[in-house]
Amino acid sequence: MVLSMKEMDVEVAENGQIAVEMFRTHGEGYYDAILMDMRMPEMDGLEAARVIRAMMRKDSKTIPMIALTANAFDEDVQRSMQAGLNAHLSKPVQPEALYETLESLIEG
């Protein structure tokens, strides 16, 4: 809802495995960014991020991925960065912080 208020198109995955499949089945450049919940069933956000980053396609290495999580400790941020996420936002996420983070990570 927060992103829709800024007229952004949003697709939602119910779990990490679905997020990976959505990314895999769409063409390169289809997505501008991925917001990744860290606690999802089937596959958590860290593992989903690792799988996406390991894919053999150009955009898998460059797409901005942002962790959204209630885990705000330094070690949680470190794990997010090690998994290939570009940013780590703690819940509840402030809309302006999300907008600013997206703006800073999305080129063009």
PDB file of N, CA and C in Angstrom:
ATOM      1  N   MET A   1       0.822  -1.197   0.000  1.00  0.00           N
ATOM      2  CA  MET A   1       0.000   0.000   0.000  1.00  0.00           C
ATOM      3  C   MET A   1       0.865   1.258   0.000  1.00  0.00           C
ATOM      4  N   VAL A   2       1.929   1.237   0.780  1.00  0.00           N
ATOM      5  CA  VAL A   2       2.806   2.403   0.885  1.00  0.00           C
ATOM      6  C   VAL A   2       3.414   2.740  -0.477  1.00  0.00           C
ATOM      7  N   LEU A   3       3.830   1.728  -1.213  1.00  0.00           N
ATOM      8  CA  LEU A   3       4.426   1.967  -2.523  1.00  0.00           C
ATOM      9  C   LEU A   3       3.370   2.368  -3.553  1.00  0.00           C
ATOM     10  N   SER A   4       2.193   1.811  -3.436  1.00  0.00           N
ATOM     11  CA  SER A   4       1.112   2.156  -4.361  1.00  0.00           C
ATOM     12  C   SER A   4       0.725   3.624  -4.240  1.00  0.00           C
ATOM     13  N   MET A   5       0.895   4.192  -3.052  1.00  0.00           N
ATOM     14  CA  MET A   5       0.577   5.608  -2.857  1.00  0.00           C
ATOM     15  C   MET A   5       1.493   6.489  -3.705  1.00  0.00           C
ATOM     16  N   LYS A   6       2.647   5.995  -4.068  1.00  0.00           N
ATOM     17  CA  LYS A   6       3.593   6.711  -4.928  1.00  0.00           C
ATOM     18  C   LYS A   6       3.484   6.229  -6.374  1.00  0.00           C
ATOM     19  N   GLU A   7       2.373   5.553  -6.679  1.00  0.00           N
ATOM     20  CA  GLU A   7       2.076   5.047  -8.012  1.00  0.00           C
ATOM     21  C   GLU A   7       3.127   4.071  -8.531  1.00  0.00           C
ATOM     22  N   MET A   8       3.652   3.255  -7.634  1.00  0.00           N
ATOM     23  CA  MET A   8       4.599   2.209  -8.013  1.00  0.00           C
ATOM     24  C   MET A   8       3.825   0.915  -8.197  1.00  0.00           C
ATOM     25  N   ASP A   9       4.178   0.167  -9.234  1.00  0.00           N
ATOM     26  CA  ASP A   9       3.582  -1.145  -9.453  1.00  0.00           C
ATOM     27  C   ASP A   9       4.272  -2.136  -8.526  1.00  0.00           C
ATOM     28  N   VAL A  10       3.464  -2.958  -7.862  1.00  0.00           N
ATOM     29  CA  VAL A  10       4.002  -3.884  -6.871  1.00  0.00           C
ATOM     30  C   VAL A  10       3.475  -5.288  -7.151  1.00  0.00           C
ATOM     31  N   GLU A  11       4.346  -6.268  -7.062  1.00  0.00           N
ATOM     32  CA  GLU A  11       3.967  -7.671  -7.108  1.00  0.00           C
ATOM     33  C   GLU A  11       4.392  -8.284  -5.785  1.00  0.00           C
ATOM     34  N   VAL A  12       3.549  -9.146  -5.225  1.00  0.00           N
ATOM     35  CA  VAL A  12       3.799  -9.714  -3.906  1.00  0.00           C
ATOM     36  C   VAL A  12       4.015 -11.221  -4.013  1.00  0.00           C
ATOM     37  N   ALA A  13       5.050 -11.695  -3.358  1.00  0.00           N
ATOM     38  CA  ALA A  13       5.324 -13.131  -3.256  1.00  0.00           C
ATOM     39  C   ALA A  13       5.000 -13.571  -1.836  1.00  0.00           C
ATOM     40  N   GLU A  14       4.314 -14.682  -1.699  1.00  0.00           N
ATOM     41  CA  GLU A  14       3.908 -15.156  -0.380  1.00  0.00           C
ATOM     42  C   GLU A  14       5.042 -15.794   0.403  1.00  0.00           C
ATOM     43  N   ASN A  15       6.112 -16.178  -0.285  1.00  0.00           N
ATOM     44  CA  ASN A  15       7.264 -16.745   0.411  1.00  0.00           C
ATOM     45  C   ASN A  15       8.510 -16.569  -0.454  1.00  0.00           C
ATOM     46  N   GLY A  16       9.647 -16.910   0.099  1.00  0.00           N
ATOM     47  CA  GLY A  16      10.909 -16.710  -0.593  1.00  0.00           C
ATOM     48  C   GLY A  16      11.052 -17.528  -1.857  1.00  0.00           C
ATOM     49  N   GLN A  17      10.534 -18.746  -1.848  1.00  0.00           N
ATOM     50  CA  GLN A  17      10.618 -19.594  -3.040  1.00  0.00           C
ATOM     51  C   GLN A  17       9.830 -18.981  -4.188  1.00  0.00           C
ATOM     52  N   ILE A  18       8.659 -18.451  -3.890  1.00  0.00           N
ATOM     53  CA  ILE A  18       7.852 -17.791  -4.920  1.00  0.00           C
ATOM     54  C   ILE A  18       8.566 -16.543  -5.426  1.00  0.00           C
ATOM     55  N   ALA A  19       9.200 -15.791  -4.535  1.00  0.00           N
ATOM     56  CA  ALA A  19       9.943 -14.597  -4.951  1.00  0.00           C
ATOM     57  C   ALA A  19      11.053 -14.964  -5.931  1.00  0.00           C
ATOM     58  N   VAL A  20      11.771 -16.028  -5.645  1.00  0.00           N
ATOM     59  CA  VAL A  20      12.839 -16.489  -6.537  1.00  0.00           C
ATOM     60  C   VAL A  20      12.254 -16.881  -7.889  1.00  0.00           C
ATOM     61  N   GLU A  21      11.154 -17.621  -7.890  1.00  0.00           N
ATOM     62  CA  GLU A  21      10.543 -18.053  -9.147  1.00  0.00           C
ATOM     63  C   GLU A  21       9.999 -16.874  -9.940  1.00  0.00           C
ATOM     64  N   MET A  22       9.433 -15.898  -9.263  1.00  0.00           N
ATOM     65  CA  MET A  22       8.948 -14.704  -9.963  1.00  0.00           C
ATOM     66  C   MET A  22      10.102 -14.002 -10.666  1.00  0.00           C
ATOM     67  N   PHE A  23      11.207 -13.846  -9.969  1.00  0.00           N
ATOM     68  CA  PHE A  23      12.368 -13.201 -10.567  1.00  0.00           C
ATOM     69  C   PHE A  23      12.900 -14.032 -11.732  1.00  0.00           C
ATOM     70  N   ARG A  24      12.993 -15.340 -11.532  1.00  0.00           N
ATOM     71  CA  ARG A  24      13.547 -16.244 -12.544  1.00  0.00           C
ATOM     72  C   ARG A  24      12.704 -16.245 -13.827  1.00  0.00           C
ATOM     73  N   THR A  25      11.392 -16.183 -13.701  1.00  0.00           N
ATOM     74  CA  THR A  25      10.520 -16.339 -14.875  1.00  0.00           C
ATOM     75  C   THR A  25      10.263 -15.043 -15.635  1.00  0.00           C
ATOM     76  N   HIS A  26      10.643 -13.919 -15.082  1.00  0.00           N
ATOM     77  CA  HIS A  26      10.487 -12.651 -15.802  1.00  0.00           C
ATOM     78  C   HIS A  26      11.809 -12.286 -16.466  1.00  0.00           C
ATOM     79  N   GLY A  27      11.720 -11.567 -17.551  1.00  0.00           N
ATOM     80  CA  GLY A  27      12.911 -11.193 -18.300  1.00  0.00           C
ATOM     81  C   GLY A  27      13.815 -10.248 -17.532  1.00  0.00           C
ATOM     82  N   GLU A  28      15.057 -10.176 -17.988  1.00  0.00           N
ATOM     83  CA  GLU A  28      16.023  -9.270 -17.370  1.00  0.00           C
ATOM     84  C   GLU A  28      15.492  -7.846 -17.410  1.00  0.00           C
ATOM     85  N   GLY A  29      15.644  -7.156 -16.294  1.00  0.00           N
ATOM     86  CA  GLY A  29      15.223  -5.771 -16.206  1.00  0.00           C
ATOM     87  C   GLY A  29      13.751  -5.572 -15.901  1.00  0.00           C
ATOM     88  N   TYR A  30      12.995  -6.651 -15.749  1.00  0.00           N
ATOM     89  CA  TYR A  30      11.561  -6.536 -15.466  1.00  0.00           C
ATOM     90  C   TYR A  30      11.321  -5.831 -14.129  1.00  0.00           C
ATOM     91  N   TYR A  31      12.084  -6.210 -13.119  1.00  0.00           N
ATOM     92  CA  TYR A  31      11.935  -5.614 -11.787  1.00  0.00           C
ATOM     93  C   TYR A  31      12.971  -4.510 -11.594  1.00  0.00           C
ATOM     94  N   ASP A  32      12.560  -3.438 -10.924  1.00  0.00           N
ATOM     95  CA  ASP A  32      13.480  -2.345 -10.592  1.00  0.00           C
ATOM     96  C   ASP A  32      14.142  -2.556  -9.238  1.00  0.00           C
ATOM     97  N   ALA A  33      13.460  -3.273  -8.346  1.00  0.00           N
ATOM     98  CA  ALA A  33      13.981  -3.512  -6.992  1.00  0.00           C
ATOM     99  C   ALA A  33      13.198  -4.663  -6.371  1.00  0.00           C
ATOM    100  N   ILE A  34      13.789  -5.241  -5.340  1.00  0.00           N
ATOM    101  CA  ILE A  34      13.131  -6.306  -4.582  1.00  0.00           C
ATOM    102  C   ILE A  34      13.168  -5.915  -3.112  1.00  0.00           C
ATOM    103  N   LEU A  35      11.998  -5.914  -2.488  1.00  0.00           N
ATOM    104  CA  LEU A  35      11.896  -5.737  -1.042  1.00  0.00           C
ATOM    105  C   LEU A  35      11.747  -7.134  -0.463  1.00  0.00           C
ATOM    106  N   MET A  36      12.664  -7.517   0.404  1.00  0.00           N
ATOM    107  CA  MET A  36      12.723  -8.891   0.867  1.00  0.00           C
ATOM    108  C   MET A  36      12.460  -8.973   2.368  1.00  0.00           C
ATOM    109  N   ASP A  37      11.332  -9.597   2.711  1.00  0.00           N
ATOM    110  CA  ASP A  37      11.042  -9.869   4.123  1.00  0.00           C
ATOM    111  C   ASP A  37      12.011 -10.964   4.564  1.00  0.00           C
ATOM    112  N   MET A  38      12.598 -10.812   5.715  1.00  0.00           N
ATOM    113  CA  MET A  38      13.588 -11.785   6.160  1.00  0.00           C
ATOM    114  C   MET A  38      12.958 -13.053   6.714  1.00  0.00           C
ATOM    115  N   ARG A  39      11.745 -12.957   7.210  1.00  0.00           N
ATOM    116  CA  ARG A  39      11.089 -14.127   7.789  1.00  0.00           C
ATOM    117  C   ARG A  39       9.897 -14.518   6.929  1.00  0.00           C
ATOM    118  N   MET A  40      10.154 -15.467   6.038  1.00  0.00           N
ATOM    119  CA  MET A  40       9.101 -15.982   5.169  1.00  0.00           C
ATOM    120  C   MET A  40       9.120 -17.504   5.241  1.00  0.00           C
ATOM    121  N   PRO A  41       7.961 -18.116   5.009  1.00  0.00           N
ATOM    122  CA  PRO A  41       7.944 -19.582   4.984  1.00  0.00           C
ATOM    123  C   PRO A  41       8.620 -20.112   3.721  1.00  0.00           C
ATOM    124  N   GLU A  42       8.884 -21.398   3.687  1.00  0.00           N
ATOM    125  CA  GLU A  42       9.493 -22.094   2.550  1.00  0.00           C
ATOM    126  C   GLU A  42      10.965 -21.743   2.374  1.00  0.00           C
ATOM    127  N   MET A  43      11.257 -20.457   2.229  1.00  0.00           N
ATOM    128  CA  MET A  43      12.634 -19.988   2.057  1.00  0.00           C
ATOM    129  C   MET A  43      12.685 -18.580   2.634  1.00  0.00           C
ATOM    130  N   ASP A  44      13.603 -18.333   3.561  1.00  0.00           N
ATOM    131  CA  ASP A  44      13.653 -16.991   4.153  1.00  0.00           C
ATOM    132  C   ASP A  44      14.285 -15.993   3.190  1.00  0.00           C
ATOM    133  N   GLY A  45      14.215 -14.736   3.537  1.00  0.00           N
ATOM    134  CA  GLY A  45      14.693 -13.676   2.671  1.00  0.00           C
ATOM    135  C   GLY A  45      16.182 -13.719   2.399  1.00  0.00           C
ATOM    136  N   LEU A  46      16.968 -14.150   3.365  1.00  0.00           N
ATOM    137  CA  LEU A  46      18.415 -14.241   3.154  1.00  0.00           C
ATOM    138  C   LEU A  46      18.751 -15.295   2.112  1.00  0.00           C
ATOM    139  N   GLU A  47      18.114 -16.445   2.226  1.00  0.00           N
ATOM    140  CA  GLU A  47      18.365 -17.514   1.250  1.00  0.00           C
ATOM    141  C   GLU A  47      17.839 -17.125  -0.122  1.00  0.00           C
ATOM    142  N   ALA A  48      16.680 -16.501  -0.178  1.00  0.00           N
ATOM    143  CA  ALA A  48      16.129 -16.057  -1.462  1.00  0.00           C
ATOM    144  C   ALA A  48      17.074 -15.050  -2.123  1.00  0.00           C
ATOM    145  N   ALA A  49      17.632 -14.146  -1.342  1.00  0.00           N
ATOM    146  CA  ALA A  49      18.576 -13.169  -1.883  1.00  0.00           C
ATOM    147  C   ALA A  49      19.822 -13.869  -2.420  1.00  0.00           C
ATOM    148  N   ARG A  50      20.327 -14.841  -1.693  1.00  0.00           N
ATOM    149  CA  ARG A  50      21.511 -15.585  -2.156  1.00  0.00           C
ATOM    150  C   ARG A  50      21.225 -16.304  -3.474  1.00  0.00           C
ATOM    151  N   VAL A  51      20.058 -16.923  -3.572  1.00  0.00           N
ATOM    152  CA  VAL A  51      19.698 -17.654  -4.793  1.00  0.00           C
ATOM    153  C   VAL A  51      19.587 -16.688  -5.971  1.00  0.00           C
ATOM    154  N   ILE A  52      18.946 -15.552  -5.766  1.00  0.00           N
ATOM    155  CA  ILE A  52      18.820 -14.563  -6.845  1.00  0.00           C
ATOM    156  C   ILE A  52      20.194 -14.054  -7.264  1.00  0.00           C
ATOM    157  N   ARG A  53      21.036 -13.709  -6.313  1.00  0.00           N
ATOM    158  CA  ARG A  53      22.374 -13.204  -6.646  1.00  0.00           C
ATOM    159  C   ARG A  53      23.216 -14.240  -7.393  1.00  0.00           C
ATOM    160  N   ALA A  54      22.959 -15.522  -7.167  1.00  0.00           N
ATOM    161  CA  ALA A  54      23.744 -16.583  -7.803  1.00  0.00           C
ATOM    162  C   ALA A  54      23.253 -16.935  -9.200  1.00  0.00           C
ATOM    163  N   MET A  55      22.129 -16.405  -9.621  1.00  0.00           N
ATOM    164  CA  MET A  55      21.598 -16.719 -10.948  1.00  0.00           C
ATOM    165  C   MET A  55      22.539 -16.204 -12.027  1.00  0.00           C
ATOM    166  N   MET A  56      22.550 -16.898 -13.145  1.00  0.00           N
ATOM    167  CA  MET A  56      23.420 -16.552 -14.254  1.00  0.00           C
ATOM    168  C   MET A  56      22.711 -15.596 -15.210  1.00  0.00           C
ATOM    169  N   ARG A  57      22.403 -14.415 -14.708  1.00  0.00           N
ATOM    170  CA  ARG A  57      21.837 -13.363 -15.552  1.00  0.00           C
ATOM    171  C   ARG A  57      22.314 -12.030 -15.006  1.00  0.00           C
ATOM    172  N   LYS A  58      22.461 -11.085 -15.891  1.00  0.00           N
ATOM    173  CA  LYS A  58      23.088  -9.805 -15.551  1.00  0.00           C
ATOM    174  C   LYS A  58      22.374  -9.077 -14.414  1.00  0.00           C
ATOM    175  N   ASP A  59      21.046  -9.001 -14.483  1.00  0.00           N
ATOM    176  CA  ASP A  59      20.331  -8.213 -13.479  1.00  0.00           C
ATOM    177  C   ASP A  59      20.322  -8.849 -12.096  1.00  0.00           C
ATOM    178  N   SER A  60      20.630 -10.138 -11.994  1.00  0.00           N
ATOM    179  CA  SER A  60      20.653 -10.773 -10.672  1.00  0.00           C
ATOM    180  C   SER A  60      21.783 -10.216  -9.801  1.00  0.00           C
ATOM    181  N   LYS A  61      22.794  -9.688 -10.443  1.00  0.00           N
ATOM    182  CA  LYS A  61      23.941  -9.128  -9.711  1.00  0.00           C
ATOM    183  C   LYS A  61      23.737  -7.661  -9.355  1.00  0.00           C
ATOM    184  N   THR A  62      22.823  -6.989 -10.069  1.00  0.00           N
ATOM    185  CA  THR A  62      22.707  -5.540  -9.911  1.00  0.00           C
ATOM    186  C   THR A  62      21.380  -5.053  -9.344  1.00  0.00           C
ATOM    187  N   ILE A  63      20.344  -5.888  -9.352  1.00  0.00           N
ATOM    188  CA  ILE A  63      19.048  -5.416  -8.885  1.00  0.00           C
ATOM    189  C   ILE A  63      19.130  -5.023  -7.408  1.00  0.00           C
ATOM    190  N   PRO A  64      18.642  -3.848  -7.061  1.00  0.00           N
ATOM    191  CA  PRO A  64      18.633  -3.456  -5.652  1.00  0.00           C
ATOM    192  C   PRO A  64      17.707  -4.364  -4.836  1.00  0.00           C
ATOM    193  N   MET A  65      18.226  -4.884  -3.746  1.00  0.00           N
ATOM    194  CA  MET A  65      17.421  -5.695  -2.826  1.00  0.00           C
ATOM    195  C   MET A  65      17.512  -5.065  -1.437  1.00  0.00           C
ATOM    196  N   ILE A  66      16.351  -4.886  -0.843  1.00  0.00           N
ATOM    197  CA  ILE A  66      16.257  -4.234   0.462  1.00  0.00           C
ATOM    198  C   ILE A  66      15.629  -5.193   1.456  1.00  0.00           C
ATOM    199  N   ALA A  67      16.316  -5.414   2.570  1.00  0.00           N
ATOM    200  CA  ALA A  67      15.790  -6.254   3.635  1.00  0.00           C
ATOM    201  C   ALA A  67      14.780  -5.460   4.454  1.00  0.00           C
ATOM    202  N   LEU A  68      13.636  -6.083   4.700  1.00  0.00           N
ATOM    203  CA  LEU A  68      12.632  -5.520   5.605  1.00  0.00           C
ATOM    204  C   LEU A  68      12.470  -6.518   6.737  1.00  0.00           C
ATOM    205  N   THR A  69      12.773  -6.091   7.954  1.00  0.00           N
ATOM    206  CA  THR A  69      12.802  -7.051   9.048  1.00  0.00           C
ATOM    207  C   THR A  69      12.621  -6.376  10.400  1.00  0.00           C
ATOM    208  N   ALA A  70      12.148  -7.154  11.344  1.00  0.00           N
ATOM    209  CA  ALA A  70      12.070  -6.680  12.726  1.00  0.00           C
ATOM    210  C   ALA A  70      13.434  -6.814  13.406  1.00  0.00           C
ATOM    211  N   ASN A  71      14.340  -7.549  12.788  1.00  0.00           N
ATOM    212  CA  ASN A  71      15.674  -7.769  13.340  1.00  0.00           C
ATOM    213  C   ASN A  71      16.564  -6.572  13.035  1.00  0.00           C
ATOM    214  N   ALA A  72      16.934  -5.833  14.072  1.00  0.00           N
ATOM    215  CA  ALA A  72      17.674  -4.588  13.866  1.00  0.00           C
ATOM    216  C   ALA A  72      19.063  -4.591  14.491  1.00  0.00           C
ATOM    217  N   PHE A  73      19.521  -5.738  14.968  1.00  0.00           N
ATOM    218  CA  PHE A  73      20.846  -5.791  15.568  1.00  0.00           C
ATOM    219  C   PHE A  73      21.930  -5.694  14.497  1.00  0.00           C
ATOM    220  N   ASP A  74      23.114  -5.272  14.898  1.00  0.00           N
ATOM    221  CA  ASP A  74      24.223  -5.135  13.953  1.00  0.00           C
ATOM    222  C   ASP A  74      24.499  -6.440  13.204  1.00  0.00           C
ATOM    223  N   GLU A  75      24.415  -7.568  13.907  1.00  0.00           N
ATOM    224  CA  GLU A  75      24.679  -8.852  13.245  1.00  0.00           C
ATOM    225  C   GLU A  75      23.603  -9.188  12.209  1.00  0.00           C
ATOM    226  N   ASP A  76      22.379  -8.702  12.411  1.00  0.00           N
ATOM    227  CA  ASP A  76      21.317  -8.909  11.424  1.00  0.00           C
ATOM    228  C   ASP A  76      21.605  -8.102  10.157  1.00  0.00           C
ATOM    229  N   VAL A  77      22.046  -6.873  10.333  1.00  0.00           N
ATOM    230  CA  VAL A  77      22.411  -6.029   9.192  1.00  0.00           C
ATOM    231  C   VAL A  77      23.579  -6.672   8.454  1.00  0.00           C
ATOM    232  N   GLN A  78      24.539  -7.160   9.185  1.00  0.00           N
ATOM    233  CA  GLN A  78      25.717  -7.803   8.594  1.00  0.00           C
ATOM    234  C   GLN A  78      25.317  -9.034   7.777  1.00  0.00           C
ATOM    235  N   ARG A  79      24.399  -9.855   8.312  1.00  0.00           N
ATOM    236  CA  ARG A  79      23.936 -11.039   7.580  1.00  0.00           C
ATOM    237  C   ARG A  79      23.223 -10.637   6.290  1.00  0.00           C
ATOM    238  N   SER A  80      22.455  -9.562   6.341  1.00  0.00           N
ATOM    239  CA  SER A  80      21.774  -9.079   5.139  1.00  0.00           C
ATOM    240  C   SER A  80      22.782  -8.681   4.071  1.00  0.00           C
ATOM    241  N   MET A  81      23.792  -7.943   4.462  1.00  0.00           N
ATOM    242  CA  MET A  81      24.798  -7.494   3.505  1.00  0.00           C
ATOM    243  C   MET A  81      25.581  -8.687   2.938  1.00  0.00           C
ATOM    244  N   GLN A  82      25.887  -9.659   3.776  1.00  0.00           N
ATOM    245  CA  GLN A  82      26.611 -10.845   3.321  1.00  0.00           C
ATOM    246  C   GLN A  82      25.791 -11.670   2.337  1.00  0.00           C
ATOM    247  N   ALA A  83      24.463 -11.626   2.462  1.00  0.00           N
ATOM    248  CA  ALA A  83      23.583 -12.368   1.557  1.00  0.00           C
ATOM    249  C   ALA A  83      23.377 -11.639   0.235  1.00  0.00           C
ATOM    250  N   GLY A  84      23.875 -10.410   0.132  1.00  0.00           N
ATOM    251  CA  GLY A  84      23.781  -9.677  -1.122  1.00  0.00           C
ATOM    252  C   GLY A  84      22.726  -8.594  -1.157  1.00  0.00           C
ATOM    253  N   LEU A  85      22.116  -8.317  -0.011  1.00  0.00           N
ATOM    254  CA  LEU A  85      21.149  -7.224   0.026  1.00  0.00           C
ATOM    255  C   LEU A  85      21.885  -5.900   0.051  1.00  0.00           C
ATOM    256  N   ASN A  86      21.253  -4.873  -0.497  1.00  0.00           N
ATOM    257  CA  ASN A  86      21.889  -3.557  -0.594  1.00  0.00           C
ATOM    258  C   ASN A  86      21.579  -2.655   0.586  1.00  0.00           C
ATOM    259  N   ALA A  87      20.471  -2.924   1.263  1.00  0.00           N
ATOM    260  CA  ALA A  87      20.053  -2.077   2.383  1.00  0.00           C
ATOM    261  C   ALA A  87      19.254  -2.925   3.355  1.00  0.00           C
ATOM    262  N   HIS A  88      19.120  -2.438   4.584  1.00  0.00           N
ATOM    263  CA  HIS A  88      18.449  -3.154   5.660  1.00  0.00           C
ATOM    264  C   HIS A  88      17.571  -2.152   6.395  1.00  0.00           C
ATOM    265  N   LEU A  89      16.266  -2.305   6.280  1.00  0.00           N
ATOM    266  CA  LEU A  89      15.332  -1.413   6.976  1.00  0.00           C
ATOM    267  C   LEU A  89      14.580  -2.195   8.039  1.00  0.00           C
ATOM    268  N   SER A  90      14.496  -1.616   9.223  1.00  0.00           N
ATOM    269  CA  SER A  90      13.816  -2.276  10.334  1.00  0.00           C
ATOM    270  C   SER A  90      12.340  -1.913  10.365  1.00  0.00           C
ATOM    271  N   LYS A  91      11.525  -2.912  10.687  1.00  0.00           N
ATOM    272  CA  LYS A  91      10.087  -2.700  10.831  1.00  0.00           C
ATOM    273  C   LYS A  91       9.812  -2.115  12.210  1.00  0.00           C
ATOM    274  N   PRO A  92       8.802  -1.309  12.350  1.00  0.00           N
ATOM    275  CA  PRO A  92       7.954  -0.824  11.262  1.00  0.00           C
ATOM    276  C   PRO A  92       8.728   0.172  10.403  1.00  0.00           C
ATOM    277  N   VAL A  93       8.657  -0.023   9.105  1.00  0.00           N
ATOM    278  CA  VAL A  93       9.390   0.811   8.159  1.00  0.00           C
ATOM    279  C   VAL A  93       8.661   2.132   7.975  1.00  0.00           C
ATOM    280  N   GLN A  94       9.395   3.205   8.121  1.00  0.00           N
ATOM    281  CA  GLN A  94       8.831   4.529   7.883  1.00  0.00           C
ATOM    282  C   GLN A  94       8.754   4.758   6.374  1.00  0.00           C
ATOM    283  N   PRO A  95       7.600   5.164   5.863  1.00  0.00           N
ATOM    284  CA  PRO A  95       7.458   5.342   4.408  1.00  0.00           C
ATOM    285  C   PRO A  95       8.550   6.202   3.790  1.00  0.00           C
ATOM    286  N   GLU A  96       8.894   7.319   4.411  1.00  0.00           N
ATOM    287  CA  GLU A  96       9.921   8.193   3.827  1.00  0.00           C
ATOM    288  C   GLU A  96      11.271   7.501   3.752  1.00  0.00           C
ATOM    289  N   ALA A  97      11.611   6.698   4.752  1.00  0.00           N
ATOM    290  CA  ALA A  97      12.882   5.959   4.723  1.00  0.00           C
ATOM    291  C   ALA A  97      12.879   4.958   3.573  1.00  0.00           C
ATOM    292  N   LEU A  98      11.751   4.308   3.341  1.00  0.00           N
ATOM    293  CA  LEU A  98      11.645   3.365   2.240  1.00  0.00           C
ATOM    294  C   LEU A  98      11.772   4.078   0.902  1.00  0.00           C
ATOM    295  N   TYR A  99      11.061   5.185   0.729  1.00  0.00           N
ATOM    296  CA  TYR A  99      11.139   5.950  -0.514  1.00  0.00           C
ATOM    297  C   TYR A  99      12.560   6.429  -0.784  1.00  0.00           C
ATOM    298  N   GLU A 100      13.211   6.965   0.248  1.00  0.00           N
ATOM    299  CA  GLU A 100      14.570   7.477   0.089  1.00  0.00           C
ATOM    300  C   GLU A 100      15.547   6.355  -0.271  1.00  0.00           C
ATOM    301  N   THR A 101      15.369   5.203   0.372  1.00  0.00           N
ATOM    302  CA  THR A 101      16.253   4.069   0.091  1.00  0.00           C
ATOM    303  C   THR A 101      16.059   3.587  -1.341  1.00  0.00           C
ATOM    304  N   LEU A 102      14.818   3.449  -1.761  1.00  0.00           N
ATOM    305  CA  LEU A 102      14.547   3.037  -3.142  1.00  0.00           C
ATOM    306  C   LEU A 102      15.122   4.036  -4.136  1.00  0.00           C
ATOM    307  N   GLU A 103      14.892   5.298  -3.878  1.00  0.00           N
ATOM    308  CA  GLU A 103      15.384   6.340  -4.776  1.00  0.00           C
ATOM    309  C   GLU A 103      16.908   6.301  -4.902  1.00  0.00           C
ATOM    310  N   SER A 104      17.576   6.063  -3.789  1.00  0.00           N
ATOM    311  CA  SER A 104      19.039   6.053  -3.819  1.00  0.00           C
ATOM    312  C   SER A 104      19.600   4.811  -4.522  1.00  0.00           C
ATOM    313  N   LEU A 105      18.834   3.727  -4.556  1.00  0.00           N
ATOM    314  CA  LEU A 105      19.334   2.475  -5.131  1.00  0.00           C
ATOM    315  C   LEU A 105      18.916   2.241  -6.580  1.00  0.00           C
ATOM    316  N   ILE A 106      17.810   2.835  -6.987  1.00  0.00           N
ATOM    317  CA  ILE A 106      17.324   2.613  -8.355  1.00  0.00           C
ATOM    318  C   ILE A 106      17.924   3.673  -9.273  1.00  0.00           C
ATOM    319  N   GLU A 107      18.603   3.234 -10.256  1.00  0.00           N
ATOM    320  CA  GLU A 107      19.208   4.156 -11.217  1.00  0.00           C
ATOM    321  C   GLU A 107      18.155   4.588 -12.233  1.00  0.00           C
ATOM    322  N   GLY A 108      18.294   5.823 -12.670  1.00  0.00           N
ATOM    323  CA  GLY A 108      17.353   6.307 -13.690  1.00  0.00           C
ATOM    324  C   GLY A 108      16.087   6.668 -13.028  1.00  0.00           C
TER     325      GLY A 108
END
